N, C-alpha and C. Protein backbone atom coordinates (compact mmCIF):
# COMPACT_ATOMS: atom_id res chain seq x y z
N UNK A 1 0.79 -1.19 0.16
CA UNK A 1 -0.01 0.02 0.05
C UNK A 1 0.88 1.17 -0.20
N UNK A 2 0.56 1.95 -1.06
CA UNK A 2 1.46 3.40 -0.97
C UNK A 2 1.20 4.15 0.01
N UNK A 3 1.74 5.40 0.53
CA UNK A 3 1.57 6.41 1.36
C UNK A 3 0.40 7.16 0.84
N UNK A 4 -0.11 7.41 -0.27
CA UNK A 4 -1.25 8.16 -0.63
C UNK A 4 -2.54 7.09 -0.21
N UNK A 5 -2.33 5.78 -0.56
CA UNK A 5 -3.24 5.01 -0.14
C UNK A 5 -3.51 4.95 1.39
N UNK A 6 -2.41 4.83 2.22
CA UNK A 6 -2.62 4.79 3.51
C UNK A 6 -3.22 6.08 4.11
N UNK A 7 -2.72 7.05 3.62
CA UNK A 7 -3.36 8.64 3.80
C UNK A 7 -4.79 8.47 3.65
N UNK A 8 -5.38 8.19 2.32
CA UNK A 8 -6.60 8.24 1.98
C UNK A 8 -7.43 7.28 2.94
N UNK A 9 -6.93 5.80 3.28
CA UNK A 9 -7.67 5.15 4.24
C UNK A 9 -7.62 5.91 5.59
N UNK A 10 -6.81 6.78 6.09
CA UNK A 10 -6.91 7.18 7.17
C UNK A 10 -7.64 8.41 7.42
N UNK A 11 -8.03 9.08 6.28
CA UNK A 11 -9.09 10.15 6.02
C UNK A 11 -10.41 9.40 5.98
N UNK A 12 -10.49 8.04 5.32
CA UNK A 12 -11.91 7.87 5.57
C UNK A 12 -12.21 7.20 6.63
N UNK A 13 -11.16 6.85 7.26
CA UNK A 13 -11.61 6.31 8.90
C UNK A 13 -11.68 7.70 9.74
N UNK A 14 -11.20 8.50 9.54
CA UNK A 14 -11.70 10.00 10.49
C UNK A 14 -12.85 10.34 10.03
N UNK A 15 -13.32 10.11 8.77
CA UNK A 15 -14.72 10.58 8.35
C UNK A 15 -15.58 9.74 8.96
N UNK A 16 -15.40 8.40 9.00
CA UNK A 16 -16.07 7.32 9.62
C UNK A 16 -16.31 7.84 11.04
N UNK A 17 -15.44 7.99 11.78
CA UNK A 17 -15.34 8.55 12.89
C UNK A 17 -16.44 9.59 13.11
N UNK A 18 -16.11 10.61 12.36
CA UNK A 18 -17.01 11.77 12.60
C UNK A 18 -18.44 11.69 12.41
N UNK A 19 -18.90 10.73 11.30
CA UNK A 19 -20.47 10.38 10.79
C UNK A 19 -20.70 9.67 11.96
N UNK A 20 -20.04 8.52 12.66
CA UNK A 20 -20.47 7.89 13.89
C UNK A 20 -20.92 9.06 14.94
N UNK A 21 -19.89 9.87 15.26
CA UNK A 21 -20.35 11.12 16.25
C UNK A 21 -21.37 11.67 15.99
N UNK A 22 -21.72 11.93 14.79
CA UNK A 22 -23.11 12.80 14.46
C UNK A 22 -24.22 11.83 14.55
N UNK A 23 -24.35 10.57 14.01
CA UNK A 23 -25.44 9.92 13.89
C UNK A 23 -25.55 8.83 15.17
N UNK A 24 -24.74 8.63 15.77
CA UNK A 24 -24.85 7.64 17.10
C UNK A 24 -24.33 8.23 18.09
N UNK A 25 -25.01 9.24 18.87
CA UNK A 25 -24.60 10.15 19.67
C UNK A 25 -24.77 9.46 21.03
N UNK A 26 -25.40 8.32 21.31
CA UNK A 26 -25.47 7.83 22.55
C UNK A 26 -23.94 7.29 23.12
N UNK A 27 -23.05 6.92 22.38
CA UNK A 27 -21.70 6.37 22.84
C UNK A 27 -21.04 7.77 23.19
N UNK A 28 -21.07 8.89 22.77
CA UNK A 28 -20.67 9.75 23.34
C UNK A 28 -20.98 10.78 24.22
N UNK A 29 -20.01 11.42 25.04
CA UNK A 29 -20.88 11.93 26.12
C UNK A 29 -21.41 13.45 25.65
N UNK A 30 -22.26 13.88 26.48
CA UNK A 30 -22.85 15.10 25.70
C UNK A 30 -23.69 15.99 26.66
N UNK A 31 -23.43 17.49 26.54
CA UNK A 31 -24.24 18.02 27.48
C UNK A 31 -25.44 18.45 26.92
N UNK A 32 -25.75 18.66 25.57
CA UNK A 32 -26.94 19.18 24.94
C UNK A 32 -27.37 17.98 24.32
N UNK A 33 -28.60 18.06 23.60
CA UNK A 33 -29.31 17.08 22.75
C UNK A 33 -28.39 17.35 21.23
N UNK A 34 -28.03 16.09 21.00
CA UNK A 34 -27.14 16.24 19.56
C UNK A 34 -28.14 16.08 18.36
N UNK A 35 -29.55 15.58 18.57
CA UNK A 35 -30.31 15.74 17.37
C UNK A 35 -30.49 16.95 16.73
N UNK A 36 -30.41 16.77 15.20
CA UNK A 36 -30.64 17.97 14.51
C UNK A 36 -29.32 19.05 14.40
N UNK A 37 -28.10 18.33 14.72
CA UNK A 37 -27.07 19.07 14.51
C UNK A 37 -26.50 18.82 13.17
N UNK A 38 -26.35 19.82 12.48
CA UNK A 38 -26.08 19.89 11.06
C UNK A 38 -24.73 20.52 10.82
N UNK A 39 -24.19 21.18 11.77
CA UNK A 39 -22.78 22.00 11.63
C UNK A 39 -21.73 21.18 12.67
N UNK A 40 -20.56 21.18 11.58
CA UNK A 40 -19.55 20.55 12.28
C UNK A 40 -18.34 21.38 11.96
N UNK A 41 -17.67 21.74 13.10
CA UNK A 41 -16.52 22.55 13.11
C UNK A 41 -15.24 21.69 13.54
N UNK A 42 -14.34 21.48 12.55
CA UNK A 42 -13.54 20.57 12.77
C UNK A 42 -12.01 21.45 12.86
N UNK A 43 -11.08 21.03 13.86
CA UNK A 43 -9.87 21.66 14.39
C UNK A 43 -8.95 20.82 14.17
N UNK A 44 -7.83 21.14 13.45
CA UNK A 44 -6.49 20.47 13.22
C UNK A 44 -5.67 20.43 14.23
N UNK A 45 -4.75 19.23 14.09
CA UNK A 45 -3.64 19.19 14.96
C UNK A 45 -2.61 20.17 15.06
N UNK A 46 -1.63 20.15 15.80
CA UNK A 46 -0.31 20.96 15.66
C UNK A 46 0.45 21.12 14.49
N UNK A 47 0.51 19.77 14.03
CA UNK A 47 1.27 19.78 12.81
C UNK A 47 0.77 19.61 11.62
N UNK A 48 -0.32 20.42 11.36
CA UNK A 48 -1.23 20.35 10.18
C UNK A 48 -2.04 21.75 9.92
N UNK A 49 -2.75 21.90 8.87
CA UNK A 49 -3.50 23.16 8.86
C UNK A 49 -4.98 22.70 8.29
N UNK A 50 -5.75 23.60 8.33
CA UNK A 50 -7.10 23.39 7.90
C UNK A 50 -7.36 22.85 6.87
N UNK A 51 -6.30 22.59 5.94
CA UNK A 51 -6.72 21.90 4.65
C UNK A 51 -6.27 20.47 4.64
N UNK A 52 -5.81 19.71 5.87
CA UNK A 52 -5.64 18.32 6.23
C UNK A 52 -7.10 17.93 5.98
N UNK A 53 -8.16 18.56 6.23
CA UNK A 53 -9.60 17.91 6.05
C UNK A 53 -10.00 17.82 4.96
N UNK A 54 -9.51 18.42 3.90
CA UNK A 54 -9.84 18.48 2.55
C UNK A 54 -10.63 17.44 1.84
N UNK A 55 -9.96 16.14 2.04
CA UNK A 55 -10.86 14.78 1.66
C UNK A 55 -12.19 14.43 2.50
N UNK A 56 -11.87 15.09 3.79
CA UNK A 56 -12.99 14.57 4.84
C UNK A 56 -14.29 15.38 4.59
N UNK A 57 -14.11 16.70 4.47
CA UNK A 57 -15.20 17.53 4.10
C UNK A 57 -16.06 17.32 3.11
N UNK A 58 -15.73 17.06 1.95
CA UNK A 58 -16.78 16.62 1.06
C UNK A 58 -17.62 15.08 1.50
N UNK A 59 -16.95 14.36 2.15
CA UNK A 59 -17.73 13.18 2.46
C UNK A 59 -18.62 13.39 3.67
N UNK A 60 -18.68 14.29 4.31
CA UNK A 60 -19.45 14.93 5.37
C UNK A 60 -20.58 16.05 4.62
N UNK A 61 -20.06 16.57 3.63
CA UNK A 61 -21.01 17.75 3.03
C UNK A 61 -21.95 16.49 2.13
N UNK A 62 -21.61 15.53 1.57
CA UNK A 62 -22.30 14.39 0.76
C UNK A 62 -23.57 14.14 1.56
N UNK A 63 -23.30 14.06 2.94
CA UNK A 63 -24.51 13.66 3.92
C UNK A 63 -25.35 14.82 4.24
N UNK A 64 -25.37 16.12 3.82
CA UNK A 64 -26.12 16.94 3.89
C UNK A 64 -25.66 18.04 5.29
N UNK A 65 -24.24 17.99 5.67
CA UNK A 65 -23.71 18.50 6.76
C UNK A 65 -23.01 19.63 6.38
N UNK A 66 -22.88 20.83 7.26
CA UNK A 66 -22.33 22.14 6.84
C UNK A 66 -21.11 21.93 7.64
N UNK A 67 -19.92 21.86 7.04
CA UNK A 67 -18.66 21.60 7.60
C UNK A 67 -17.84 22.88 7.71
N UNK A 68 -17.05 23.26 8.43
CA UNK A 68 -16.10 24.17 8.52
C UNK A 68 -14.68 23.51 9.31
N UNK A 69 -13.60 23.85 8.65
CA UNK A 69 -12.46 23.47 9.17
C UNK A 69 -11.60 24.78 9.56
N UNK A 70 -11.37 24.94 10.87
CA UNK A 70 -10.72 25.95 11.34
C UNK A 70 -9.41 26.37 10.98
N UNK A 71 -8.89 27.49 10.68
CA UNK A 71 -7.48 27.36 10.35
C UNK A 71 -6.89 28.16 11.54
N UNK A 72 -6.47 27.32 12.52
CA UNK A 72 -5.83 27.89 13.62
C UNK A 72 -4.44 28.67 13.24
N UNK A 73 -4.03 29.72 13.96
CA UNK A 73 -2.71 30.27 13.70
C UNK A 73 -1.32 29.49 14.37
N UNK A 74 -1.90 28.94 15.29
CA UNK A 74 -0.65 27.97 15.84
C UNK A 74 0.35 29.21 16.67
N UNK A 75 -0.09 30.14 17.02
CA UNK A 75 0.76 30.93 17.71
C UNK A 75 0.91 30.89 19.13
N UNK A 76 -0.51 30.45 19.99
CA UNK A 76 -0.66 30.33 21.21
C UNK A 76 -2.10 29.51 21.22
N UNK A 77 -2.09 29.06 22.32
CA UNK A 77 -3.34 28.23 22.85
C UNK A 77 -4.55 29.20 22.76
N UNK A 78 -4.24 30.41 23.26
CA UNK A 78 -5.36 31.44 23.51
C UNK A 78 -5.70 31.75 21.99
N UNK A 79 -4.86 31.85 21.22
CA UNK A 79 -5.22 32.55 19.79
C UNK A 79 -5.88 31.24 19.05
N UNK A 80 -5.64 30.12 19.26
CA UNK A 80 -6.31 28.84 18.56
C UNK A 80 -7.67 28.65 18.91
N UNK A 81 -7.81 28.94 20.41
CA UNK A 81 -9.07 28.91 21.07
C UNK A 81 -9.84 30.11 20.53
N UNK A 82 -9.35 31.13 20.27
CA UNK A 82 -10.12 32.45 19.94
C UNK A 82 -10.52 32.11 18.31
N UNK A 83 -9.40 31.51 17.58
CA UNK A 83 -9.92 31.31 16.12
C UNK A 83 -11.27 30.42 16.34
N UNK A 84 -11.28 29.15 16.96
CA UNK A 84 -12.23 28.33 16.97
C UNK A 84 -13.54 28.85 17.53
N UNK A 85 -13.39 29.50 18.63
CA UNK A 85 -14.83 30.26 18.79
C UNK A 85 -15.32 31.21 17.98
N UNK A 86 -14.55 31.83 17.04
CA UNK A 86 -15.16 32.69 15.85
C UNK A 86 -15.82 31.77 15.01
N UNK A 87 -15.20 30.76 14.71
CA UNK A 87 -15.83 29.77 13.87
C UNK A 87 -17.24 29.05 14.37
N UNK A 88 -17.08 29.00 15.74
CA UNK A 88 -18.53 28.51 16.41
C UNK A 88 -19.61 29.53 16.36
N UNK A 89 -19.25 30.84 16.50
CA UNK A 89 -20.02 31.59 16.63
C UNK A 89 -20.79 32.01 14.96
N UNK A 90 -19.85 31.62 14.42
CA UNK A 90 -20.48 31.98 12.76
C UNK A 90 -21.54 30.81 12.40
N UNK A 91 -21.83 29.75 13.35
CA UNK A 91 -22.75 28.66 12.87
C UNK A 91 -24.15 29.06 13.22
N UNK A 92 -25.04 28.77 12.08
CA UNK A 92 -26.36 28.78 12.56
C UNK A 92 -27.11 27.61 13.14
N UNK A 93 -26.94 27.59 14.47
CA UNK A 93 -27.70 26.19 15.16
C UNK A 93 -26.68 25.63 15.92
N UNK A 94 -26.86 24.38 16.37
CA UNK A 94 -25.89 23.39 17.30
C UNK A 94 -24.86 23.24 16.70
N UNK A 95 -23.64 22.99 17.07
CA UNK A 95 -22.39 22.49 16.45
C UNK A 95 -21.92 21.31 17.09
N UNK A 96 -21.32 20.46 16.32
CA UNK A 96 -20.46 19.31 16.72
C UNK A 96 -19.05 19.71 16.46
N UNK A 97 -18.12 19.86 17.51
CA UNK A 97 -17.08 20.49 17.53
C UNK A 97 -16.08 19.23 17.56
N UNK A 98 -15.06 19.17 16.44
CA UNK A 98 -14.20 17.77 16.60
C UNK A 98 -12.80 18.34 16.24
N UNK A 99 -11.95 17.75 17.31
CA UNK A 99 -10.45 18.10 17.10
C UNK A 99 -9.79 16.90 16.98
N UNK A 100 -8.91 16.99 16.17
CA UNK A 100 -7.61 16.05 16.27
C UNK A 100 -6.37 16.33 16.81
N UNK A 101 -5.88 15.52 17.73
CA UNK A 101 -4.52 15.68 18.38
C UNK A 101 -4.34 16.86 19.10
N UNK A 102 -3.72 17.88 18.88
CA UNK A 102 -3.57 19.12 19.59
C UNK A 102 -5.09 19.82 19.54
N UNK A 103 -5.58 19.55 18.41
CA UNK A 103 -6.92 20.10 18.25
C UNK A 103 -8.14 19.43 19.50
N UNK A 104 -7.97 18.51 20.14
CA UNK A 104 -8.65 17.92 21.07
C UNK A 104 -8.52 19.24 22.47
N UNK A 105 -7.23 19.51 22.54
CA UNK A 105 -6.92 20.54 23.50
C UNK A 105 -7.71 22.01 23.50
N UNK A 106 -7.48 22.27 22.13
CA UNK A 106 -8.40 23.48 21.65
C UNK A 106 -9.79 23.46 21.74
N UNK A 107 -10.56 22.25 21.30
CA UNK A 107 -11.69 22.16 21.65
C UNK A 107 -12.51 21.97 23.03
N UNK A 108 -11.26 21.41 23.69
CA UNK A 108 -11.73 21.42 25.48
C UNK A 108 -12.00 22.88 25.92
N UNK A 109 -11.15 23.94 25.49
CA UNK A 109 -11.14 25.26 26.00
C UNK A 109 -12.27 25.83 25.13
N UNK A 110 -12.72 25.60 23.76
CA UNK A 110 -13.59 26.18 23.16
C UNK A 110 -14.77 25.82 23.24
N UNK A 111 -14.80 24.57 23.71
CA UNK A 111 -16.16 23.72 23.89
C UNK A 111 -17.25 24.49 24.70
N UNK A 112 -16.67 25.12 25.50
CA UNK A 112 -17.83 25.95 26.68
C UNK A 112 -18.47 26.98 26.16
N UNK A 113 -19.41 26.55 24.94
CA UNK A 113 -20.22 27.47 24.18
C UNK A 113 -21.82 27.07 24.11
N UNK A 114 -22.67 27.69 24.30
CA UNK A 114 -24.20 26.87 24.07
C UNK A 114 -24.60 26.24 22.88
N UNK A 115 -23.73 26.91 21.69
CA UNK A 115 -24.05 26.11 20.49
C UNK A 115 -23.59 24.82 20.55
N UNK A 116 -22.30 24.37 21.19
CA UNK A 116 -21.63 23.26 21.08
C UNK A 116 -22.75 22.37 21.71
N UNK A 117 -22.97 20.97 21.09
CA UNK A 117 -23.62 19.90 21.66
C UNK A 117 -22.63 18.74 21.77
N UNK A 118 -21.70 18.62 21.09
CA UNK A 118 -20.82 17.72 21.35
C UNK A 118 -19.35 17.98 20.88
N UNK A 119 -18.22 17.47 21.60
CA UNK A 119 -17.09 17.74 21.14
C UNK A 119 -16.16 16.40 21.45
N UNK A 120 -16.19 15.34 20.38
CA UNK A 120 -15.53 14.30 20.63
C UNK A 120 -14.14 14.31 19.84
N UNK A 121 -13.09 14.23 20.72
CA UNK A 121 -11.59 14.09 20.07
C UNK A 121 -11.51 12.84 18.96
N UNK A 122 -10.81 13.32 18.00
CA UNK A 122 -10.91 12.19 16.83
C UNK A 122 -9.34 11.56 17.01
N UNK A 123 -9.44 10.12 17.10
CA UNK A 123 -7.86 9.53 16.86
C UNK A 123 -8.40 8.49 15.63
N UNK A 124 -7.25 8.12 15.00
CA UNK A 124 -7.11 7.16 14.12
C UNK A 124 -6.06 6.28 14.08
N UNK A 125 -6.03 5.21 14.10
CA UNK A 125 -4.94 4.24 13.54
C UNK A 125 -5.34 3.31 12.67
N UNK A 126 -4.35 3.38 11.86
CA UNK A 126 -4.41 2.38 10.43
C UNK A 126 -3.58 1.03 10.61
N UNK A 127 -4.05 0.05 10.53
CA UNK A 127 -3.42 -1.11 10.65
C UNK A 127 -3.29 -1.63 9.14
N UNK A 128 -2.12 -2.17 8.75
CA UNK A 128 -1.94 -2.85 7.52
C UNK A 128 -1.41 -4.28 7.77
N UNK A 129 -2.26 -5.06 6.89
CA UNK A 129 -1.80 -6.45 6.88
C UNK A 129 -0.42 -6.65 6.12
N UNK A 130 0.41 -7.54 6.65
CA UNK A 130 1.46 -7.60 5.89
C UNK A 130 1.35 -7.90 4.40
N UNK A 131 0.37 -8.60 3.86
CA UNK A 131 0.11 -8.43 2.53
C UNK A 131 -0.40 -7.30 1.94
N UNK A 132 -0.97 -6.36 2.69
CA UNK A 132 -1.36 -5.18 2.27
C UNK A 132 -0.02 -4.24 1.88
N UNK A 133 0.88 -4.08 2.96
CA UNK A 133 1.93 -3.41 2.81
C UNK A 133 2.96 -3.62 1.89
N UNK A 134 2.87 -5.12 1.06
CA UNK A 134 3.81 -5.29 0.42
C UNK A 134 3.28 -4.95 -1.27
N UNK A 135 1.94 -4.65 -1.09
CA UNK A 135 1.45 -4.37 -2.60
C UNK A 135 1.77 -2.81 -3.10
């Protein structure tokens, strides 16, 4: 499996995690009711930027969801939280706030907003069988 195939597999797995969080909210701790959440705000990790979600966003949009990837400046945690809060404020209705890696720290701080219904951190592990890694 080539690097791009592995990367694509990881992105699909992340999209699956996001869809699971949206449509199966019983498994996720929640403050408010997640039913009717159509807005997703995604926060990238420290070694990435908002464009890292470019393959995931269309998959979610195809399900009728409104998705925004925050472009955090990565200058300080306070600046990243402020950028994420601005993205939340621009949403019309309840929000699913998702963070990957360092983004989990950011959403923990920014998630204290009445619009935020859920904020699950996203992790992904891709396991390759010996046969897959040789192709």
